[in-house]
């Protein structure tokens, strides 16, 4: 009976120690920031969307 209690206690101690380590590492890490997109050669005035018959038909079904 004592051995079982000791095993449970040691397991809980390790679990708490591990969670403390994880919490400390999360608190110490810097948040990741998004990078700004690279400038597009040629000005970036390119039209990426063209309204075609297929698009019109699809949007009418919505």
Protein backbone atom coordinates (compact mmCIF):
# COMPACT_ATOMS: atom_id res chain seq x y z
CA UNK A 1 0.00 0.00 0.00
CA UNK A 2 2.81 2.43 0.84
CA UNK A 3 4.62 1.65 -2.39
CA UNK A 4 1.48 2.44 -4.38
CA UNK A 5 1.08 5.81 -2.65
CA UNK A 6 4.73 6.62 -3.25
CA UNK A 7 4.38 5.74 -6.92
CA UNK A 8 1.34 7.99 -7.26
CA UNK A 9 3.04 10.82 -5.44
CA UNK A 10 6.18 10.59 -7.54
CA UNK A 11 4.06 10.52 -10.69
CA UNK A 12 2.17 13.63 -9.61
CA UNK A 13 5.39 15.41 -8.66
CA UNK A 14 6.86 14.69 -12.09
CA UNK A 15 3.66 15.76 -13.78
CA UNK A 16 3.59 19.06 -11.90
CA UNK A 17 7.29 19.66 -12.54
CA UNK A 18 6.81 18.99 -16.25
CA UNK A 19 3.84 21.31 -16.52
CA UNK A 20 5.80 24.03 -14.72
CA UNK A 21 8.63 23.66 -17.23
CA UNK A 22 6.23 23.89 -20.16
CA UNK A 23 4.49 26.92 -18.68
CA UNK A 24 7.81 28.66 -18.09
CA UNK A 25 9.00 27.98 -21.61
CA UNK A 26 5.74 29.30 -23.07
CA UNK A 27 5.94 32.46 -20.99
CA UNK A 28 9.53 33.07 -22.01
CA UNK A 29 9.06 32.66 -25.74
CA UNK A 30 8.47 35.63 -28.00
CA UNK A 31 5.26 35.81 -30.04
CA UNK A 32 5.77 35.21 -33.75
CA UNK A 33 5.00 38.16 -35.96
CA UNK A 34 3.92 37.92 -39.57
CA UNK A 35 6.45 39.02 -42.15
CA UNK A 36 5.52 41.80 -44.52
CA UNK A 37 5.08 40.56 -48.08
CA UNK A 38 7.88 41.25 -50.54
CA UNK A 39 7.16 44.03 -53.02
CA UNK A 40 5.83 42.81 -56.34
CA UNK A 41 7.99 43.74 -59.31
CA UNK A 42 6.16 45.90 -61.82
CA UNK A 43 4.09 47.94 -59.37
CA UNK A 44 1.64 45.33 -58.17
CA UNK A 45 -1.35 46.74 -60.07
CA UNK A 46 -2.06 43.33 -61.54
CA UNK A 47 -5.68 42.23 -61.54
CA UNK A 48 -5.95 38.81 -59.94
CA UNK A 49 -9.71 38.36 -60.38
CA UNK A 50 -11.49 38.17 -63.70
CA UNK A 51 -15.24 37.87 -63.86
CA UNK A 52 -16.00 35.07 -66.27
CA UNK A 53 -19.18 33.21 -67.16
CA UNK A 54 -18.13 30.32 -64.94
CA UNK A 55 -17.69 32.63 -61.94
CA UNK A 56 -21.03 34.34 -62.57
CA UNK A 57 -22.77 30.98 -62.80
CA UNK A 58 -21.14 29.81 -59.56
CA UNK A 59 -22.06 32.98 -57.64
CA UNK A 60 -25.66 32.79 -58.84
CA UNK A 61 -25.97 29.35 -57.24
CA UNK A 62 -24.95 30.68 -53.82
